[in-house]
Every structure is written in structure tokens, then in C-alpha cells.
């Protein structure tokens, strides 16, 4: 999702919550695709990389250490 779109959705969700409209806020979030819902709640700086499993076939097995 584009950052401007994400910011717009967040602003709309905040506005709904400020008016105690939990149903409206949930409806906005539910209208998003699953990956966009995840991005909405992601911590700043998180990447789009899948979580690492640290096994031999893992994409990052040779680039990280446990």
C-alpha cells in the first residue's frame, strides 16, 4: 500500500475512534486486503521480508547468526 493511502486510512480510523465509532473503524480496517491490514499495524522500520525460520533452507541462513 502506498504511504499516502496508509496515512489516509489511519487518519480515517482515528477520526472514527475519536467519535467513539468503533464499528466504523473496524469496517475501515476490514475493508483492506490482509497484507494492507498487516502493514497498518506494522512497527516503523519493519520490512516486507517474511519472518525468518533460521533453518538450512532459509533465505537468510547465511546472512544472520543466532
Protein backbone atom coordinates (compact mmCIF):
# COMPACT_ATOMS: atom_id res chain seq x y z
CA UNK A 1 0.00 0.00 0.00
CA UNK A 2 1.27 3.48 -0.76
CA UNK A 3 2.29 5.51 2.28
CA UNK A 4 -0.18 8.29 1.44
CA UNK A 5 -3.00 5.74 1.27
CA UNK A 6 -1.89 4.20 4.56
CA UNK A 7 -1.78 7.65 6.18
CA UNK A 8 -5.27 8.39 4.84
CA UNK A 9 -6.67 5.15 6.25
CA UNK A 10 -5.03 5.82 9.62
CA UNK A 11 -6.50 9.33 9.70
CA UNK A 12 -9.95 7.96 8.90
CA UNK A 13 -9.66 5.25 11.57
CA UNK A 14 -8.53 7.84 14.14
CA UNK A 15 -11.47 10.09 13.23
CA UNK A 16 -13.89 7.20 13.70
CA UNK A 17 -12.36 6.33 17.07
CA UNK A 18 -12.42 9.97 18.21
CA UNK A 19 -16.17 9.89 17.61
CA UNK A 20 -16.48 6.61 19.52
CA UNK A 21 -17.42 4.82 16.30
CA UNK A 22 -15.68 1.50 16.86
CA UNK A 23 -17.89 -0.21 14.27
CA UNK A 24 -16.86 2.33 11.62
CA UNK A 25 -13.17 2.00 12.48
CA UNK A 26 -13.34 -1.79 12.31
CA UNK A 27 -15.20 -1.61 8.99
CA UNK A 28 -12.44 0.57 7.51
CA UNK A 29 -9.76 -1.89 8.61
CA UNK A 30 -11.74 -4.92 7.46
CA UNK A 31 -12.16 -3.34 4.00
CA UNK A 32 -8.39 -3.59 3.48
CA UNK A 33 -6.63 -6.59 1.98
CA UNK A 34 -4.88 -8.79 4.58
CA UNK A 35 -1.35 -7.59 3.67
CA UNK A 36 -2.52 -3.98 3.95
CA UNK A 37 -4.09 -4.70 7.34
CA UNK A 38 -0.75 -6.10 8.49
CA UNK A 39 1.09 -3.04 7.17
CA UNK A 40 -1.33 -0.78 9.02
CA UNK A 41 -0.21 -2.32 12.32
CA UNK A 42 3.47 -2.92 11.46
CA UNK A 43 6.14 -1.27 13.55
CA UNK A 44 8.08 1.52 11.82
CA UNK A 45 11.10 0.12 10.01
CA UNK A 46 9.71 -3.38 9.58
CA UNK A 47 10.43 -4.79 6.16
CA UNK A 48 8.31 -6.76 3.74
CA UNK A 49 10.63 -9.73 4.24
CA UNK A 50 8.96 -12.86 5.60
CA UNK A 51 9.82 -13.84 9.17
CA UNK A 52 12.99 -15.87 9.35
CA UNK A 53 12.82 -19.51 10.37
CA UNK A 54 16.65 -19.89 10.63
CA UNK A 55 16.78 -23.31 9.09
CA UNK A 56 19.12 -24.56 6.38
CA UNK A 57 16.78 -23.63 3.52
CA UNK A 58 16.01 -20.22 4.96
CA UNK A 59 16.74 -17.22 2.71
CA UNK A 60 18.79 -15.60 5.47
CA UNK A 61 20.50 -18.68 6.93
CA UNK A 62 23.88 -17.48 5.69
CA UNK A 63 23.38 -13.79 6.49
CA UNK A 64 22.36 -13.90 10.16
CA UNK A 65 23.63 -15.52 13.28
CA UNK A 66 21.55 -16.73 16.18
